[in-house]
Amino acid sequence: AQGHRIDHVEFHPAYHRLMDVAKTQGVAGLSWH
């Protein structure tokens, strides 16, 4: 609102919940951790 460049992408809260469940359950990292 103040004119600063932020380049921010807004998602529906469902997107973040999907990402949260997937990341914490190992979809992105089980092979490594």
ModelCIF file with pLDDT and N, C-alpha, C, O atoms, coordinates in Angstrom:
data_MODEL
#
_entry.id   MODEL 
#
_entity.id                         1 
_entity.type                       polymer 
_entity.pdbx_number_of_molecules   1 
#
_entity_poly.entity_id                      1 
_entity_poly.type                           'polypeptide(L)' 
_entity_poly.nstd_linkage                   no 
_entity_poly.nstd_monomer                   no 
_entity_poly.pdbx_seq_one_letter_code       AQGHRIDHVEFHPAYHRLMDVAKTQGVAGLSWH 
_entity_poly.pdbx_seq_one_letter_code_can   AQGHRIDHVEFHPAYHRLMDVAKTQGVAGLSWH 
_entity_poly.pdbx_strand_id                 A 
#
loop_
_entity_poly_seq.entity_id 
_entity_poly_seq.num 
_entity_poly_seq.mon_id 
_entity_poly_seq.hetero 
1 1  ALA n 
1 2  GLN n 
1 3  GLY n 
1 4  HIS n 
1 5  ARG n 
1 6  ILE n 
1 7  ASP n 
1 8  HIS n 
1 9  VAL n 
1 10 GLU n 
1 11 PHE n 
1 12 HIS n 
1 13 PRO n 
1 14 ALA n 
1 15 TYR n 
1 16 HIS n 
1 17 ARG n 
1 18 LEU n 
1 19 MET n 
1 20 ASP n 
1 21 VAL n 
1 22 ALA n 
1 23 LYS n 
1 24 THR n 
1 25 GLN n 
1 26 GLY n 
1 27 VAL n 
1 28 ALA n 
1 29 GLY n 
1 30 LEU n 
1 31 SER n 
1 32 TRP n 
1 33 HIS n 
#
_struct_asym.id          A 
_struct_asym.entity_id   1 
#
loop_
_ma_qa_metric.id 
_ma_qa_metric.mode 
_ma_qa_metric.name 
_ma_qa_metric.software_group_id 
_ma_qa_metric.type 
1 global pLDDT . pLDDT 
2 local  pLDDT . pLDDT 
#
_ma_qa_metric_global.metric_id      1 
_ma_qa_metric_global.metric_value   96.42 
_ma_qa_metric_global.model_id       1 
_ma_qa_metric_global.ordinal_id     1 
#
loop_
_ma_qa_metric_local.label_asym_id 
_ma_qa_metric_local.label_comp_id 
_ma_qa_metric_local.label_seq_id 
_ma_qa_metric_local.metric_id 
_ma_qa_metric_local.metric_value 
_ma_qa_metric_local.model_id 
_ma_qa_metric_local.ordinal_id 
A ALA 1  2 94.00 1 1  
A GLN 2  2 95.00 1 2  
A GLY 3  2 94.00 1 3  
A HIS 4  2 93.00 1 4  
A ARG 5  2 94.00 1 5  
A ILE 6  2 94.00 1 6  
A ASP 7  2 95.00 1 7  
A HIS 8  2 96.00 1 8  
A VAL 9  2 97.00 1 9  
A GLU 10 2 97.00 1 10 
A PHE 11 2 97.00 1 11 
A HIS 12 2 97.00 1 12 
A PRO 13 2 97.00 1 13 
A ALA 14 2 98.00 1 14 
A TYR 15 2 98.00 1 15 
A HIS 16 2 98.00 1 16 
A ARG 17 2 98.00 1 17 
A LEU 18 2 98.00 1 18 
A MET 19 2 98.00 1 19 
A ASP 20 2 98.00 1 20 
A VAL 21 2 98.00 1 21 
A ALA 22 2 98.00 1 22 
A LYS 23 2 98.00 1 23 
A THR 24 2 98.00 1 24 
A GLN 25 2 97.00 1 25 
A GLY 26 2 97.00 1 26 
A VAL 27 2 98.00 1 27 
A ALA 28 2 97.00 1 28 
A GLY 29 2 96.00 1 29 
A LEU 30 2 97.00 1 30 
A SER 31 2 95.00 1 31 
A TRP 32 2 96.00 1 32 
A HIS 33 2 91.00 1 33 
#
loop_
_atom_site.group_PDB 
_atom_site.id 
_atom_site.type_symbol 
_atom_site.label_atom_id 
_atom_site.label_alt_id 
_atom_site.label_comp_id 
_atom_site.label_asym_id 
_atom_site.label_entity_id 
_atom_site.label_seq_id 
_atom_site.pdbx_PDB_ins_code 
_atom_site.Cartn_x 
_atom_site.Cartn_y 
_atom_site.Cartn_z 
_atom_site.occupancy 
_atom_site.B_iso_or_equiv 
_atom_site.pdbx_formal_charge 
_atom_site.auth_seq_id 
_atom_site.auth_comp_id 
_atom_site.auth_asym_id 
_atom_site.auth_atom_id 
_atom_site.pdbx_PDB_model_num 
ATOM 1   N N  . ALA A 1 1  ? 0.817  -1.219  0.000  1.00 94.00 ? 1  ALA A N  1 
ATOM 2   C CA . ALA A 1 1  ? 0.000  0.000   0.000  1.00 94.00 ? 1  ALA A CA 1 
ATOM 3   C C  . ALA A 1 1  ? 0.851  1.269   0.000  1.00 94.00 ? 1  ALA A C  1 
ATOM 4   O O  . ALA A 1 1  ? 0.392  2.331   -0.419 1.00 94.00 ? 1  ALA A O  1 
ATOM 5   N N  . GLN A 1 2  ? 2.092  1.151   0.473  1.00 95.00 ? 2  GLN A N  1 
ATOM 6   C CA . GLN A 1 2  ? 2.972  2.318   0.510  1.00 95.00 ? 2  GLN A CA 1 
ATOM 7   C C  . GLN A 1 2  ? 3.815  2.471   -0.756 1.00 95.00 ? 2  GLN A C  1 
ATOM 8   O O  . GLN A 1 2  ? 4.580  3.426   -0.894 1.00 95.00 ? 2  GLN A O  1 
ATOM 9   N N  . GLY A 1 3  ? 3.665  1.520   -1.675 1.00 94.00 ? 3  GLY A N  1 
ATOM 10  C CA . GLY A 1 3  ? 4.396  1.614   -2.933 1.00 94.00 ? 3  GLY A CA 1 
ATOM 11  C C  . GLY A 1 3  ? 5.696  0.851   -2.980 1.00 94.00 ? 3  GLY A C  1 
ATOM 12  O O  . GLY A 1 3  ? 6.428  0.946   -3.965 1.00 94.00 ? 3  GLY A O  1 
ATOM 13  N N  . HIS A 1 4  ? 6.006  0.093   -1.939 1.00 93.00 ? 4  HIS A N  1 
ATOM 14  C CA . HIS A 1 4  ? 7.228  -0.701  -1.938 1.00 93.00 ? 4  HIS A CA 1 
ATOM 15  C C  . HIS A 1 4  ? 7.039  -1.954  -2.789 1.00 93.00 ? 4  HIS A C  1 
ATOM 16  O O  . HIS A 1 4  ? 5.969  -2.563  -2.793 1.00 93.00 ? 4  HIS A O  1 
ATOM 17  N N  . ARG A 1 5  ? 8.083  -2.323  -3.498 1.00 94.00 ? 5  ARG A N  1 
ATOM 18  C CA . ARG A 1 5  ? 8.053  -3.545  -4.296 1.00 94.00 ? 5  ARG A CA 1 
ATOM 19  C C  . ARG A 1 5  ? 8.090  -4.752  -3.360 1.00 94.00 ? 5  ARG A C  1 
ATOM 20  O O  . ARG A 1 5  ? 9.004  -4.871  -2.545 1.00 94.00 ? 5  ARG A O  1 
ATOM 21  N N  . ILE A 1 6  ? 7.113  -5.641  -3.466 1.00 94.00 ? 6  ILE A N  1 
ATOM 22  C CA . ILE A 1 6  ? 7.088  -6.816  -2.580 1.00 94.00 ? 6  ILE A CA 1 
ATOM 23  C C  . ILE A 1 6  ? 7.040  -8.138  -3.341 1.00 94.00 ? 6  ILE A C  1 
ATOM 24  O O  . ILE A 1 6  ? 7.498  -9.159  -2.828 1.00 94.00 ? 6  ILE A O  1 
ATOM 25  N N  . ASP A 1 7  ? 6.494  -8.132  -4.555 1.00 95.00 ? 7  ASP A N  1 
ATOM 26  C CA . ASP A 1 7  ? 6.409  -9.361  -5.362 1.00 95.00 ? 7  ASP A CA 1 
ATOM 27  C C  . ASP A 1 7  ? 5.906  -10.537 -4.534 1.00 95.00 ? 7  ASP A C  1 
ATOM 28  O O  . ASP A 1 7  ? 6.568  -11.568 -4.419 1.00 95.00 ? 7  ASP A O  1 
ATOM 29  N N  . HIS A 1 8  ? 4.744  -10.358 -3.972 1.00 96.00 ? 8  HIS A N  1 
ATOM 30  C CA . HIS A 1 8  ? 4.153  -11.352 -3.087 1.00 96.00 ? 8  HIS A CA 1 
ATOM 31  C C  . HIS A 1 8  ? 3.002  -12.066 -3.795 1.00 96.00 ? 8  HIS A C  1 
ATOM 32  O O  . HIS A 1 8  ? 2.143  -11.421 -4.396 1.00 96.00 ? 8  HIS A O  1 
ATOM 33  N N  . VAL A 1 9  ? 2.986  -13.392 -3.722 1.00 97.00 ? 9  VAL A N  1 
ATOM 34  C CA . VAL A 1 9  ? 1.915  -14.183 -4.318 1.00 97.00 ? 9  VAL A CA 1 
ATOM 35  C C  . VAL A 1 9  ? 1.002  -14.668 -3.200 1.00 97.00 ? 9  VAL A C  1 
ATOM 36  O O  . VAL A 1 9  ? 1.444  -15.330 -2.261 1.00 97.00 ? 9  VAL A O  1 
ATOM 37  N N  . GLU A 1 10 ? -0.280 -14.326 -3.316 1.00 97.00 ? 10 GLU A N  1 
ATOM 38  C CA . GLU A 1 10 ? -1.270 -14.723 -2.321 1.00 97.00 ? 10 GLU A CA 1 
ATOM 39  C C  . GLU A 1 10 ? -1.971 -16.002 -2.768 1.00 97.00 ? 10 GLU A C  1 
ATOM 40  O O  . GLU A 1 10 ? -2.386 -16.124 -3.920 1.00 97.00 ? 10 GLU A O  1 
ATOM 41  N N  . PHE A 1 11 ? -2.099 -16.957 -1.839 1.00 97.00 ? 11 PHE A N  1 
ATOM 42  C CA . PHE A 1 11 ? -2.753 -18.231 -2.103 1.00 97.00 ? 11 PHE A CA 1 
ATOM 43  C C  . PHE A 1 11 ? -3.966 -18.395 -1.194 1.00 97.00 ? 11 PHE A C  1 
ATOM 44  O O  . PHE A 1 11 ? -4.055 -17.780 -0.132 1.00 97.00 ? 11 PHE A O  1 
ATOM 45  N N  . HIS A 1 12 ? -4.885 -19.227 -1.631 1.00 97.00 ? 12 HIS A N  1 
ATOM 46  C CA . HIS A 1 12 ? -5.994 -19.620 -0.765 1.00 97.00 ? 12 HIS A CA 1 
ATOM 47  C C  . HIS A 1 12 ? -5.415 -20.375 0.435  1.00 97.00 ? 12 HIS A C  1 
ATOM 48  O O  . HIS A 1 12 ? -4.448 -21.120 0.274  1.00 97.00 ? 12 HIS A O  1 
ATOM 49  N N  . PRO A 1 13 ? -5.982 -20.203 1.633  1.00 97.00 ? 13 PRO A N  1 
ATOM 50  C CA . PRO A 1 13 ? -5.471 -20.931 2.804  1.00 97.00 ? 13 PRO A CA 1 
ATOM 51  C C  . PRO A 1 13 ? -5.393 -22.441 2.601  1.00 97.00 ? 13 PRO A C  1 
ATOM 52  O O  . PRO A 1 13 ? -4.556 -23.103 3.215  1.00 97.00 ? 13 PRO A O  1 
ATOM 53  N N  . ALA A 1 14 ? -6.255 -22.992 1.747  1.00 98.00 ? 14 ALA A N  1 
ATOM 54  C CA . ALA A 1 14 ? -6.211 -24.442 1.502  1.00 98.00 ? 14 ALA A CA 1 
ATOM 55  C C  . ALA A 1 14 ? -4.874 -24.857 0.903  1.00 98.00 ? 14 ALA A C  1 
ATOM 56  O O  . ALA A 1 14 ? -4.371 -25.945 1.186  1.00 98.00 ? 14 ALA A O  1 
ATOM 57  N N  . TYR A 1 15 ? -4.296 -23.984 0.070  1.00 98.00 ? 15 TYR A N  1 
ATOM 58  C CA . TYR A 1 15 ? -2.993 -24.290 -0.529 1.00 98.00 ? 15 TYR A CA 1 
ATOM 59  C C  . TYR A 1 15 ? -1.947 -24.479 0.570  1.00 98.00 ? 15 TYR A C  1 
ATOM 60  O O  . TYR A 1 15 ? -1.180 -25.441 0.550  1.00 98.00 ? 15 TYR A O  1 
ATOM 61  N N  . HIS A 1 16 ? -1.926 -23.559 1.518  1.00 98.00 ? 16 HIS A N  1 
ATOM 62  C CA . HIS A 1 16 ? -0.924 -23.643 2.583  1.00 98.00 ? 16 HIS A CA 1 
ATOM 63  C C  . HIS A 1 16 ? -1.155 -24.859 3.471  1.00 98.00 ? 16 HIS A C  1 
ATOM 64  O O  . HIS A 1 16 ? -0.194 -25.466 3.944  1.00 98.00 ? 16 HIS A O  1 
ATOM 65  N N  . ARG A 1 17 ? -2.391 -25.220 3.701  1.00 98.00 ? 17 ARG A N  1 
ATOM 66  C CA . ARG A 1 17 ? -2.655 -26.420 4.488  1.00 98.00 ? 17 ARG A CA 1 
ATOM 67  C C  . ARG A 1 17 ? -2.184 -27.660 3.747  1.00 98.00 ? 17 ARG A C  1 
ATOM 68  O O  . ARG A 1 17 ? -1.593 -28.554 4.353  1.00 98.00 ? 17 ARG A O  1 
ATOM 69  N N  . LEU A 1 18 ? -2.436 -27.729 2.449  1.00 98.00 ? 18 LEU A N  1 
ATOM 70  C CA . LEU A 1 18 ? -1.954 -28.850 1.644  1.00 98.00 ? 18 LEU A CA 1 
ATOM 71  C C  . LEU A 1 18 ? -0.435 -28.940 1.697  1.00 98.00 ? 18 LEU A C  1 
ATOM 72  O O  . LEU A 1 18 ? 0.120  -30.026 1.865  1.00 98.00 ? 18 LEU A O  1 
ATOM 73  N N  . MET A 1 19 ? 0.231  -27.812 1.557  1.00 98.00 ? 19 MET A N  1 
ATOM 74  C CA . MET A 1 19 ? 1.695  -27.802 1.601  1.00 98.00 ? 19 MET A CA 1 
ATOM 75  C C  . MET A 1 19 ? 2.205  -28.196 2.984  1.00 98.00 ? 19 MET A C  1 
ATOM 76  O O  . MET A 1 19 ? 3.184  -28.933 3.104  1.00 98.00 ? 19 MET A O  1 
ATOM 77  N N  . ASP A 1 20 ? 1.547  -27.709 4.009  1.00 98.00 ? 20 ASP A N  1 
ATOM 78  C CA . ASP A 1 20 ? 1.971  -28.003 5.370  1.00 98.00 ? 20 ASP A CA 1 
ATOM 79  C C  . ASP A 1 20 ? 1.882  -29.502 5.661  1.00 98.00 ? 20 ASP A C  1 
ATOM 80  O O  . ASP A 1 20 ? 2.828  -30.099 6.175  1.00 98.00 ? 20 ASP A O  1 
ATOM 81  N N  . VAL A 1 21 ? 0.745  -30.098 5.332  1.00 98.00 ? 21 VAL A N  1 
ATOM 82  C CA . VAL A 1 21 ? 0.575  -31.538 5.571  1.00 98.00 ? 21 VAL A CA 1 
ATOM 83  C C  . VAL A 1 21 ? 1.609  -32.330 4.767  1.00 98.00 ? 21 VAL A C  1 
ATOM 84  O O  . VAL A 1 21 ? 2.253  -33.234 5.298  1.00 98.00 ? 21 VAL A O  1 
ATOM 85  N N  . ALA A 1 22 ? 1.763  -31.991 3.496  1.00 98.00 ? 22 ALA A N  1 
ATOM 86  C CA . ALA A 1 22 ? 2.684  -32.737 2.640  1.00 98.00 ? 22 ALA A CA 1 
ATOM 87  C C  . ALA A 1 22 ? 4.130  -32.628 3.115  1.00 98.00 ? 22 ALA A C  1 
ATOM 88  O O  . ALA A 1 22 ? 4.855  -33.622 3.168  1.00 98.00 ? 22 ALA A O  1 
ATOM 89  N N  . LYS A 1 23 ? 4.538  -31.412 3.459  1.00 98.00 ? 23 LYS A N  1 
ATOM 90  C CA . LYS A 1 23 ? 5.935  -31.222 3.876  1.00 98.00 ? 23 LYS A CA 1 
ATOM 91  C C  . LYS A 1 23 ? 6.207  -31.927 5.204  1.00 98.00 ? 23 LYS A C  1 
ATOM 92  O O  . LYS A 1 23 ? 7.239  -32.580 5.356  1.00 98.00 ? 23 LYS A O  1 
ATOM 93  N N  . THR A 1 24 ? 5.297  -31.803 6.156  1.00 98.00 ? 24 THR A N  1 
ATOM 94  C CA . THR A 1 24 ? 5.534  -32.420 7.457  1.00 98.00 ? 24 THR A CA 1 
ATOM 95  C C  . THR A 1 24 ? 5.442  -33.940 7.412  1.00 98.00 ? 24 THR A C  1 
ATOM 96  O O  . THR A 1 24 ? 6.034  -34.624 8.247  1.00 98.00 ? 24 THR A O  1 
ATOM 97  N N  . GLN A 1 25 ? 4.703  -34.471 6.440  1.00 97.00 ? 25 GLN A N  1 
ATOM 98  C CA . GLN A 1 25 ? 4.548  -35.927 6.325  1.00 97.00 ? 25 GLN A CA 1 
ATOM 99  C C  . GLN A 1 25 ? 5.607  -36.563 5.431  1.00 97.00 ? 25 GLN A C  1 
ATOM 100 O O  . GLN A 1 25 ? 5.625  -37.785 5.286  1.00 97.00 ? 25 GLN A O  1 
ATOM 101 N N  . GLY A 1 26 ? 6.490  -35.767 4.829  1.00 97.00 ? 26 GLY A N  1 
ATOM 102 C CA . GLY A 1 26 ? 7.614  -36.329 4.091  1.00 97.00 ? 26 GLY A CA 1 
ATOM 103 C C  . GLY A 1 26 ? 7.485  -36.394 2.597  1.00 97.00 ? 26 GLY A C  1 
ATOM 104 O O  . GLY A 1 26 ? 8.335  -36.999 1.943  1.00 97.00 ? 26 GLY A O  1 
ATOM 105 N N  . VAL A 1 27 ? 6.448  -35.792 2.014  1.00 98.00 ? 27 VAL A N  1 
ATOM 106 C CA . VAL A 1 27 ? 6.286  -35.848 0.558  1.00 98.00 ? 27 VAL A CA 1 
ATOM 107 C C  . VAL A 1 27 ? 7.469  -35.201 -0.151 1.00 98.00 ? 27 VAL A C  1 
ATOM 108 O O  . VAL A 1 27 ? 7.835  -35.614 -1.251 1.00 98.00 ? 27 VAL A O  1 
ATOM 109 N N  . ALA A 1 28 ? 8.073  -34.180 0.479  1.00 97.00 ? 28 ALA A N  1 
ATOM 110 C CA . ALA A 1 28 ? 9.199  -33.490 -0.148 1.00 97.00 ? 28 ALA A CA 1 
ATOM 111 C C  . ALA A 1 28 ? 10.551 -33.887 0.427  1.00 97.00 ? 28 ALA A C  1 
ATOM 112 O O  . ALA A 1 28 ? 11.580 -33.424 -0.066 1.00 97.00 ? 28 ALA A O  1 
ATOM 113 N N  . GLY A 1 29 ? 10.580 -34.732 1.459  1.00 96.00 ? 29 GLY A N  1 
ATOM 114 C CA . GLY A 1 29 ? 11.880 -34.959 2.067  1.00 96.00 ? 29 GLY A CA 1 
ATOM 115 C C  . GLY A 1 29 ? 12.141 -36.304 2.701  1.00 96.00 ? 29 GLY A C  1 
ATOM 116 O O  . GLY A 1 29 ? 13.233 -36.518 3.226  1.00 96.00 ? 29 GLY A O  1 
ATOM 117 N N  . LEU A 1 30 ? 11.193 -37.219 2.677  1.00 97.00 ? 30 LEU A N  1 
ATOM 118 C CA . LEU A 1 30 ? 11.386 -38.504 3.350  1.00 97.00 ? 30 LEU A CA 1 
ATOM 119 C C  . LEU A 1 30 ? 12.644 -39.217 2.860  1.00 97.00 ? 30 LEU A C  1 
ATOM 120 O O  . LEU A 1 30 ? 13.347 -39.852 3.645  1.00 97.00 ? 30 LEU A O  1 
ATOM 121 N N  . SER A 1 31 ? 12.925 -39.111 1.560  1.00 95.00 ? 31 SER A N  1 
ATOM 122 C CA . SER A 1 31 ? 14.109 -39.770 0.999  1.00 95.00 ? 31 SER A CA 1 
ATOM 123 C C  . SER A 1 31 ? 15.388 -39.321 1.686  1.00 95.00 ? 31 SER A C  1 
ATOM 124 O O  . SER A 1 31 ? 16.351 -40.080 1.795  1.00 95.00 ? 31 SER A O  1 
ATOM 125 N N  . TRP A 1 32 ? 15.385 -38.066 2.152  1.00 96.00 ? 32 TRP A N  1 
ATOM 126 C CA . TRP A 1 32 ? 16.625 -37.471 2.663  1.00 96.00 ? 32 TRP A CA 1 
ATOM 127 C C  . TRP A 1 32 ? 16.681 -37.465 4.188  1.00 96.00 ? 32 TRP A C  1 
ATOM 128 O O  . TRP A 1 32 ? 17.749 -37.695 4.756  1.00 96.00 ? 32 TRP A O  1 
ATOM 129 N N  . HIS A 1 33 ? 15.551 -37.205 4.874  1.00 91.00 ? 33 HIS A N  1 
ATOM 130 C CA . HIS A 1 33 ? 15.637 -37.144 6.331  1.00 91.00 ? 33 HIS A CA 1 
ATOM 131 C C  . HIS A 1 33 ? 15.415 -38.499 6.990  1.00 91.00 ? 33 HIS A C  1 
ATOM 132 O O  . HIS A 1 33 ? 15.458 -38.604 8.216  1.00 91.00 ? 33 HIS A O  1 
#
